[in-house]
PDB file of N, CA and C in Angstrom:
ATOM      1  N   UNK A   1     155.657   2.282 260.623  1.00  0.00           N
ATOM      2  CA  UNK A   1     154.491   2.143 260.170  1.00  0.00           C
ATOM      3  C   UNK A   1     154.393   3.282 258.990  1.00  0.00           C
ATOM      4  N   UNK A   2     154.003   3.107 257.853  1.00  0.00           N
ATOM      5  CA  UNK A   2     154.001   4.142 257.023  1.00  0.00           C
ATOM      6  C   UNK A   2     152.668   4.932 256.915  1.00  0.00           C
ATOM      7  N   UNK A   3     152.756   6.288 256.561  1.00  0.00           N
ATOM      8  CA  UNK A   3     151.571   7.044 256.866  1.00  0.00           C
ATOM      9  C   UNK A   3     150.409   6.618 256.199  1.00  0.00           C
ATOM     10  N   UNK A   4     150.466   5.844 255.002  1.00  0.00           N
ATOM     11  CA  UNK A   4     149.285   5.288 254.481  1.00  0.00           C
ATOM     12  C   UNK A   4     148.718   4.067 255.331  1.00  0.00           C
ATOM     13  N   UNK A   5     149.544   3.401 255.842  1.00  0.00           N
ATOM     14  CA  UNK A   5     149.008   2.377 256.839  1.00  0.00           C
ATOM     15  C   UNK A   5     148.240   2.890 257.988  1.00  0.00           C
ATOM     16  N   UNK A   6     148.955   3.930 258.755  1.00  0.00           N
ATOM     17  CA  UNK A   6     148.566   4.602 259.835  1.00  0.00           C
ATOM     18  C   UNK A   6     147.069   5.138 259.420  1.00  0.00           C
ATOM     19  N   UNK A   7     146.856   5.667 258.256  1.00  0.00           N
ATOM     20  CA  UNK A   7     145.565   6.097 257.743  1.00  0.00           C
ATOM     21  C   UNK A   7     144.508   5.148 257.588  1.00  0.00           C
ATOM     22  N   UNK A   8     144.740   3.982 257.095  1.00  0.00           N
ATOM     23  CA  UNK A   8     144.072   2.781 256.843  1.00  0.00           C
ATOM     24  C   UNK A   8     143.557   2.326 258.254  1.00  0.00           C
ATOM     25  N   UNK A   9     144.677   2.408 259.210  1.00  0.00           N
ATOM     26  CA  UNK A   9     144.265   1.754 260.640  1.00  0.00           C
ATOM     27  C   UNK A   9     143.356   2.792 261.094  1.00  0.00           C
ATOM     28  N   UNK A  10     143.409   3.997 260.969  1.00  0.00           N
ATOM     29  CA  UNK A  10     142.545   5.019 261.525  1.00  0.00           C
ATOM     30  C   UNK A  10     141.095   4.938 260.859  1.00  0.00           C
ATOM     31  N   UNK A  11     141.027   4.484 259.636  1.00  0.00           N
ATOM     32  CA  UNK A  11     139.707   4.227 259.027  1.00  0.00           C
ATOM     33  C   UNK A  11     139.122   2.974 259.515  1.00  0.00           C
ATOM     34  N   UNK A  12     139.712   1.908 259.825  1.00  0.00           N
ATOM     35  CA  UNK A  12     139.325   0.784 260.412  1.00  0.00           C
ATOM     36  C   UNK A  12     138.774   0.940 261.841  1.00  0.00           C
ATOM     37  N   UNK A  13     139.509   1.792 262.553  1.00  0.00           N
ATOM     38  CA  UNK A  13     138.951   2.150 263.740  1.00  0.00           C
ATOM     39  C   UNK A  13     137.701   3.067 263.991  1.00  0.00           C
ATOM     40  N   UNK A  14     137.613   3.968 263.084  1.00  0.00           N
ATOM     41  CA  UNK A  14     136.452   4.742 262.818  1.00  0.00           C
ATOM     42  C   UNK A  14     135.132   3.860 262.487  1.00  0.00           C
ATOM     43  N   UNK A  15     135.438   3.016 261.308  1.00  0.00           N
ATOM     44  CA  UNK A  15     134.474   2.264 260.940  1.00  0.00           C
ATOM     45  C   UNK A  15     133.738   1.163 262.122  1.00  0.00           C
ATOM     46  N   UNK A  16     134.737   0.552 262.689  1.00  0.00           N
ATOM     47  CA  UNK A  16     134.458  -0.499 263.649  1.00  0.00           C
ATOM     48  C   UNK A  16     133.675   0.314 264.841  1.00  0.00           C
ATOM     49  N   UNK A  17     133.896   1.447 265.174  1.00  0.00           N
ATOM     50  CA  UNK A  17     133.105   2.236 266.130  1.00  0.00           C
ATOM     51  C   UNK A  17     131.759   2.638 265.682  1.00  0.00           C
ATOM     52  N   UNK A  18     131.847   2.999 264.217  1.00  0.00           N
ATOM     53  CA  UNK A  18     130.583   3.396 263.698  1.00  0.00           C
ATOM     54  C   UNK A  18     129.597   2.232 263.440  1.00  0.00           C
ATOM     55  N   UNK A  19     130.012   1.064 262.895  1.00  0.00           N
ATOM     56  CA  UNK A  19     129.200  -0.093 262.602  1.00  0.00           C
ATOM     57  C   UNK A  19     128.914  -0.849 263.820  1.00  0.00           C
ATOM     58  N   UNK A  20     129.651  -0.829 264.731  1.00  0.00           N
ATOM     59  CA  UNK A  20     129.458  -1.582 265.985  1.00  0.00           C
ATOM     60  C   UNK A  20     129.490  -3.118 265.718  1.00  0.00           C
ATOM     61  N   UNK A  21     128.991  -3.787 266.654  1.00  0.00           N
ATOM     62  CA  UNK A  21     129.079  -5.220 266.476  1.00  0.00           C
ATOM     63  C   UNK A  21     128.374  -6.010 265.345  1.00  0.00           C
ATOM     64  N   UNK A  22     127.643  -5.328 264.562  1.00  0.00           N
ATOM     65  CA  UNK A  22     126.885  -5.923 263.456  1.00  0.00           C
ATOM     66  C   UNK A  22     127.929  -6.573 262.461  1.00  0.00           C
ATOM     67  N   UNK A  23     129.169  -5.849 262.394  1.00  0.00           N
ATOM     68  CA  UNK A  23     130.302  -6.132 261.314  1.00  0.00           C
ATOM     69  C   UNK A  23     131.296  -6.500 262.245  1.00  0.00           C
ATOM     70  N   UNK A  24     132.154  -7.745 261.872  1.00  0.00           N
ATOM     71  CA  UNK A  24     133.254  -7.967 262.523  1.00  0.00           C
ATOM     72  C   UNK A  24     134.505  -7.082 262.107  1.00  0.00           C
ATOM     73  N   UNK A  25     135.506  -6.967 263.067  1.00  0.00           N
ATOM     74  CA  UNK A  25     136.593  -6.100 262.741  1.00  0.00           C
ATOM     75  C   UNK A  25     137.181  -6.583 261.499  1.00  0.00           C
ATOM     76  N   UNK A  26     137.288  -8.077 261.442  1.00  0.00           N
ATOM     77  CA  UNK A  26     138.153  -8.592 260.134  1.00  0.00           C
ATOM     78  C   UNK A  26     137.470  -8.300 259.003  1.00  0.00           C
ATOM     79  N   UNK A  27     135.981  -8.220 258.729  1.00  0.00           N
ATOM     80  CA  UNK A  27     135.428  -7.647 257.770  1.00  0.00           C
ATOM     81  C   UNK A  27     135.654  -6.243 257.238  1.00  0.00           C
ATOM     82  N   UNK A  28     135.808  -5.342 258.407  1.00  0.00           N
ATOM     83  CA  UNK A  28     136.117  -3.930 258.181  1.00  0.00           C
ATOM     84  C   UNK A  28     137.483  -4.035 257.757  1.00  0.00           C
ATOM     85  N   UNK A  29     138.483  -4.698 258.308  1.00  0.00           N
ATOM     86  CA  UNK A  29     140.016  -4.713 257.903  1.00  0.00           C
ATOM     87  C   UNK A  29     140.058  -5.213 256.181  1.00  0.00           C
ATOM     88  N   UNK A  30     139.296  -6.278 255.857  1.00  0.00           N
ATOM     89  CA  UNK A  30     139.060  -6.644 254.503  1.00  0.00           C
ATOM     90  C   UNK A  30     138.587  -5.712 253.494  1.00  0.00           C
ATOM     91  N   UNK A  31     137.648  -4.965 254.076  1.00  0.00           N
ATOM     92  CA  UNK A  31     136.913  -3.783 253.126  1.00  0.00           C
ATOM     93  C   UNK A  31     137.831  -2.644 252.910  1.00  0.00           C
ATOM     94  N   UNK A  32     138.581  -2.440 253.907  1.00  0.00           N
ATOM     95  CA  UNK A  32     139.547  -1.209 253.908  1.00  0.00           C
ATOM     96  C   UNK A  32     140.622  -1.665 252.992  1.00  0.00           C
ATOM     97  N   UNK A  33     141.252  -2.817 253.192  1.00  0.00           N
ATOM     98  CA  UNK A  33     142.321  -3.300 252.481  1.00  0.00           C
ATOM     99  C   UNK A  33     141.950  -3.394 251.007  1.00  0.00           C
ATOM    100  N   UNK A  34     140.651  -3.892 250.589  1.00  0.00           N
ATOM    101  CA  UNK A  34     140.272  -3.777 249.169  1.00  0.00           C
ATOM    102  C   UNK A  34     140.192  -2.592 248.610  1.00  0.00           C
ATOM    103  N   UNK A  35     139.523  -1.680 249.488  1.00  0.00           N
ATOM    104  CA  UNK A  35     139.312  -0.306 248.942  1.00  0.00           C
ATOM    105  C   UNK A  35     140.759   0.318 248.665  1.00  0.00           C
ATOM    106  N   UNK A  36     141.703   0.159 249.579  1.00  0.00           N
ATOM    107  CA  UNK A  36     143.047   0.679 249.334  1.00  0.00           C
ATOM    108  C   UNK A  36     143.593   0.130 247.988  1.00  0.00           C
ATOM    109  N   UNK A  37     143.507  -1.091 247.759  1.00  0.00           N
ATOM    110  CA  UNK A  37     143.833  -1.663 246.587  1.00  0.00           C
ATOM    111  C   UNK A  37     143.262  -1.125 245.434  1.00  0.00           C
ATOM    112  N   UNK A  38     141.928  -1.064 245.320  1.00  0.00           N
ATOM    113  CA  UNK A  38     141.018  -0.665 244.409  1.00  0.00           C
ATOM    114  C   UNK A  38     141.321   0.930 244.049  1.00  0.00           C
ATOM    115  N   UNK A  39     141.810   1.773 245.003  1.00  0.00           N
ATOM    116  CA  UNK A  39     141.995   3.014 244.789  1.00  0.00           C
ATOM    117  C   UNK A  39     143.452   3.472 244.600  1.00  0.00           C
ATOM    118  N   UNK A  40     144.241   2.455 244.469  1.00  0.00           N
ATOM    119  CA  UNK A  40     145.528   2.778 244.032  1.00  0.00           C
ATOM    120  C   UNK A  40     145.638   3.694 242.748  1.00  0.00           C
ATOM    121  N   UNK A  41     146.467   4.706 242.845  1.00  0.00           N
ATOM    122  CA  UNK A  41     146.526   5.601 241.702  1.00  0.00           C
ATOM    123  C   UNK A  41     145.889   6.889 241.911  1.00  0.00           C
ATOM    124  N   UNK A  42     144.938   6.752 243.013  1.00  0.00           N
ATOM    125  CA  UNK A  42     144.097   8.123 243.287  1.00  0.00           C
ATOM    126  C   UNK A  42     145.092   9.079 243.869  1.00  0.00           C
ATOM    127  N   UNK A  43     144.624  10.427 243.946  1.00  0.00           N
ATOM    128  CA  UNK A  43     145.425  11.416 244.416  1.00  0.00           C
ATOM    129  C   UNK A  43     145.645  11.072 245.977  1.00  0.00           C
ATOM    130  N   UNK A  44     147.002  11.293 246.318  1.00  0.00           N
ATOM    131  CA  UNK A  44     147.445  10.726 247.786  1.00  0.00           C
ATOM    132  C   UNK A  44     146.489  11.557 248.802  1.00  0.00           C
ATOM    133  N   UNK A  45     146.369  12.883 248.595  1.00  0.00           N
ATOM    134  CA  UNK A  45     145.710  13.748 249.701  1.00  0.00           C
ATOM    135  C   UNK A  45     144.270  13.478 249.815  1.00  0.00           C
ATOM    136  N   UNK A  46     143.775  12.607 248.762  1.00  0.00           N
ATOM    137  CA  UNK A  46     142.339  12.262 248.906  1.00  0.00           C
ATOM    138  C   UNK A  46     142.130  10.918 249.260  1.00  0.00           C
ATOM    139  N   UNK A  47     143.218  10.069 249.254  1.00  0.00           N
ATOM    140  CA  UNK A  47     143.124   8.678 249.594  1.00  0.00           C
ATOM    141  C   UNK A  47     142.475   8.297 250.865  1.00  0.00           C
ATOM    142  N   UNK A  48     142.923   8.898 251.878  1.00  0.00           N
ATOM    143  CA  UNK A  48     142.119   8.509 253.138  1.00  0.00           C
ATOM    144  C   UNK A  48     140.670   8.491 253.276  1.00  0.00           C
ATOM    145  N   UNK A  49     140.184   9.554 252.781  1.00  0.00           N
ATOM    146  CA  UNK A  49     138.731   9.890 252.810  1.00  0.00           C
ATOM    147  C   UNK A  49     137.969   9.019 251.730  1.00  0.00           C
ATOM    148  N   UNK A  50     138.616   8.777 250.516  1.00  0.00           N
ATOM    149  CA  UNK A  50     138.048   7.887 249.293  1.00  0.00           C
ATOM    150  C   UNK A  50     138.046   6.441 249.947  1.00  0.00           C
ATOM    151  N   UNK A  51     139.225   5.865 250.622  1.00  0.00           N
ATOM    152  CA  UNK A  51     139.194   4.606 251.152  1.00  0.00           C
ATOM    153  C   UNK A  51     138.161   4.555 252.370  1.00  0.00           C
ATOM    154  N   UNK A  52     137.969   5.261 253.156  1.00  0.00           N
ATOM    155  CA  UNK A  52     137.045   5.183 254.122  1.00  0.00           C
ATOM    156  C   UNK A  52     135.600   4.986 253.574  1.00  0.00           C
ATOM    157  N   UNK A  53     135.362   5.981 252.646  1.00  0.00           N
ATOM    158  CA  UNK A  53     133.924   6.187 251.960  1.00  0.00           C
ATOM    159  C   UNK A  53     133.621   4.745 251.310  1.00  0.00           C
ATOM    160  N   UNK A  54     134.623   4.245 250.411  1.00  0.00           N
ATOM    161  CA  UNK A  54     134.211   3.109 249.603  1.00  0.00           C
ATOM    162  C   UNK A  54     134.256   1.850 250.638  1.00  0.00           C
ATOM    163  N   UNK A  55     134.941   1.731 251.666  1.00  0.00           N
ATOM    164  CA  UNK A  55     134.676   0.772 252.607  1.00  0.00           C
ATOM    165  C   UNK A  55     133.556   0.692 253.254  1.00  0.00           C
ATOM    166  N   UNK A  56     132.982   1.877 253.737  1.00  0.00           N
ATOM    167  CA  UNK A  56     131.800   2.109 254.474  1.00  0.00           C
ATOM    168  C   UNK A  56     130.561   1.662 253.457  1.00  0.00           C
ATOM    169  N   UNK A  57     130.685   2.157 252.297  1.00  0.00           N
ATOM    170  CA  UNK A  57     129.586   1.600 251.245  1.00  0.00           C
ATOM    171  C   UNK A  57     129.575   0.060 251.216  1.00  0.00           C
ATOM    172  N   UNK A  58     130.822  -0.523 251.009  1.00  0.00           N
ATOM    173  CA  UNK A  58     130.774  -1.895 250.716  1.00  0.00           C
ATOM    174  C   UNK A  58     130.374  -2.688 252.097  1.00  0.00           C
ATOM    175  N   UNK A  59     130.436  -2.168 253.152  1.00  0.00           N
ATOM    176  CA  UNK A  59     129.999  -2.608 254.503  1.00  0.00           C
ATOM    177  C   UNK A  59     128.630  -2.403 254.896  1.00  0.00           C
ATOM    178  N   UNK A  60     127.900  -1.484 254.139  1.00  0.00           N
ATOM    179  CA  UNK A  60     126.510  -0.992 254.526  1.00  0.00           C
ATOM    180  C   UNK A  60     125.622  -2.391 254.067  1.00  0.00           C
ATOM    181  N   UNK A  61     124.969  -2.900 255.152  1.00  0.00           N
ATOM    182  CA  UNK A  61     124.099  -3.981 255.192  1.00  0.00           C
ATOM    183  C   UNK A  61     123.019  -3.715 253.955  1.00  0.00           C
ATOM    184  N   UNK A  62     122.655  -2.604 253.598  1.00  0.00           N
ATOM    185  CA  UNK A  62     121.761  -2.259 252.707  1.00  0.00           C
ATOM    186  C   UNK A  62     122.220  -2.331 251.321  1.00  0.00           C
ATOM    187  N   UNK A  63     123.559  -2.294 251.394  1.00  0.00           N
ATOM    188  CA  UNK A  63     124.276  -2.587 249.981  1.00  0.00           C
ATOM    189  C   UNK A  63     125.144  -3.518 249.905  1.00  0.00           C
ATOM    190  N   UNK A  64     124.661  -4.773 250.325  1.00  0.00           N
ATOM    191  CA  UNK A  64     125.648  -5.940 250.325  1.00  0.00           C
ATOM    192  C   UNK A  64     126.039  -6.371 248.862  1.00  0.00           C
ATOM    193  N   UNK A  65     125.238  -5.913 247.876  1.00  0.00           N
ATOM    194  CA  UNK A  65     125.623  -6.326 246.560  1.00  0.00           C
ATOM    195  C   UNK A  65     126.904  -5.871 246.053  1.00  0.00           C
ATOM    196  N   UNK A  66     127.569  -4.722 246.794  1.00  0.00           N
ATOM    197  CA  UNK A  66     128.883  -4.310 246.429  1.00  0.00           C
ATOM    198  C   UNK A  66     130.011  -5.213 246.936  1.00  0.00           C
ATOM    199  N   UNK A  67     129.551  -6.229 247.664  1.00  0.00           N
ATOM    200  CA  UNK A  67     130.631  -7.258 248.244  1.00  0.00           C
ATOM    201  C   UNK A  67     130.599  -8.569 247.358  1.00  0.00           C
ATOM    202  N   UNK A  68     129.506  -8.551 246.478  1.00  0.00           N
ATOM    203  CA  UNK A  68     129.432  -9.775 245.454  1.00  0.00           C
ATOM    204  C   UNK A  68     130.591  -9.547 244.553  1.00  0.00           C
ATOM    205  N   UNK A  69     131.151 -10.614 243.799  1.00  0.00           N
ATOM    206  CA  UNK A  69     131.837 -10.497 242.612  1.00  0.00           C
ATOM    207  C   UNK A  69     131.095 -10.008 241.536  1.00  0.00           C
ATOM    208  N   UNK A  70     131.555  -9.420 240.683  1.00  0.00           N
ATOM    209  CA  UNK A  70     130.729  -8.975 239.327  1.00  0.00           C
ATOM    210  C   UNK A  70     130.378 -10.045 238.674  1.00  0.00           C
ATOM    211  N   UNK A  71     129.072  -9.966 238.050  1.00  0.00           N
ATOM    212  CA  UNK A  71     128.552 -10.978 237.074  1.00  0.00           C
ATOM    213  C   UNK A  71     129.695 -11.281 235.939  1.00  0.00           C
ATOM    214  N   UNK A  72     129.819 -12.573 235.469  1.00  0.00           N
ATOM    215  CA  UNK A  72     130.747 -12.733 234.415  1.00  0.00           C
ATOM    216  C   UNK A  72     130.669 -11.975 233.267  1.00  0.00           C
ATOM    217  N   UNK A  73     129.396 -11.504 232.785  1.00  0.00           N
ATOM    218  CA  UNK A  73     129.238 -10.864 231.673  1.00  0.00           C
ATOM    219  C   UNK A  73     129.714  -9.473 231.768  1.00  0.00           C
ATOM    220  N   UNK A  74     129.391  -8.823 233.043  1.00  0.00           N
ATOM    221  CA  UNK A  74     129.826  -7.618 233.280  1.00  0.00           C
ATOM    222  C   UNK A  74     131.486  -7.539 233.291  1.00  0.00           C
ATOM    223  N   UNK A  75     132.076  -8.391 234.095  1.00  0.00           N
ATOM    224  CA  UNK A  75     133.360  -8.444 234.322  1.00  0.00           C
ATOM    225  C   UNK A  75     134.154  -8.592 232.972  1.00  0.00           C
ATOM    226  N   UNK A  76     133.485  -9.267 231.955  1.00  0.00           N
ATOM    227  CA  UNK A  76     134.286  -9.363 230.701  1.00  0.00           C
ATOM    228  C   UNK A  76     134.189  -8.089 229.950  1.00  0.00           C
ATOM    229  N   UNK A  77     133.278  -7.179 230.263  1.00  0.00           N
ATOM    230  CA  UNK A  77     133.361  -6.001 229.463  1.00  0.00           C
ATOM    231  C   UNK A  77     134.505  -5.013 229.582  1.00  0.00           C
ATOM    232  N   UNK A  78     135.004  -4.533 228.420  1.00  0.00           N
ATOM    233  CA  UNK A  78     136.171  -3.704 228.434  1.00  0.00           C
ATOM    234  C   UNK A  78     135.630  -2.519 227.712  1.00  0.00           C
ATOM    235  N   UNK A  79     135.928  -1.349 228.006  1.00  0.00           N
ATOM    236  CA  UNK A  79     135.777  -0.056 227.538  1.00  0.00           C
ATOM    237  C   UNK A  79     136.153  -0.022 225.968  1.00  0.00           C
ATOM    238  N   UNK A  80     135.145   0.337 225.146  1.00  0.00           N
ATOM    239  CA  UNK A  80     135.564   0.458 223.855  1.00  0.00           C
ATOM    240  C   UNK A  80     135.424  -0.881 222.941  1.00  0.00           C
ATOM    241  N   UNK A  81     135.004  -1.783 223.755  1.00  0.00           N
ATOM    242  CA  UNK A  81     134.861  -3.302 223.152  1.00  0.00           C
ATOM    243  C   UNK A  81     133.445  -3.628 223.075  1.00  0.00           C
ATOM    244  N   UNK A  82     132.794  -3.739 221.923  1.00  0.00           N
ATOM    245  CA  UNK A  82     131.254  -3.975 222.052  1.00  0.00           C
ATOM    246  C   UNK A  82     131.098  -5.617 222.571  1.00  0.00           C
ATOM    247  N   UNK A  83     129.986  -5.611 223.276  1.00  0.00           N
ATOM    248  CA  UNK A  83     129.653  -6.884 223.894  1.00  0.00           C
ATOM    249  C   UNK A  83     128.297  -7.234 223.254  1.00  0.00           C
ATOM    250  N   UNK A  84     128.186  -8.640 222.738  1.00  0.00           N
ATOM    251  CA  UNK A  84     126.995  -8.951 222.196  1.00  0.00           C
ATOM    252  C   UNK A  84     127.086  -9.664 220.837  1.00  0.00           C
TER     253      UNK A  84
END
């Protein structure tokens, strides 16, 4: 097991304990995996905390909009390219 995978597994365990039965382990695993993917290229030393924080925000029932795919108009915007 790579150190990165071990840290992600630790984050899953902590989030499952924190969130309890309201969120399935599979949902936590998916959120952590997506956070790892989204944060690729971040400083390695900061990655474990960033992954856990991002996954926690995405799993927060008060912020479910973070789990929805982006609106097509917003997804098509690119920095420096005017929209409209």
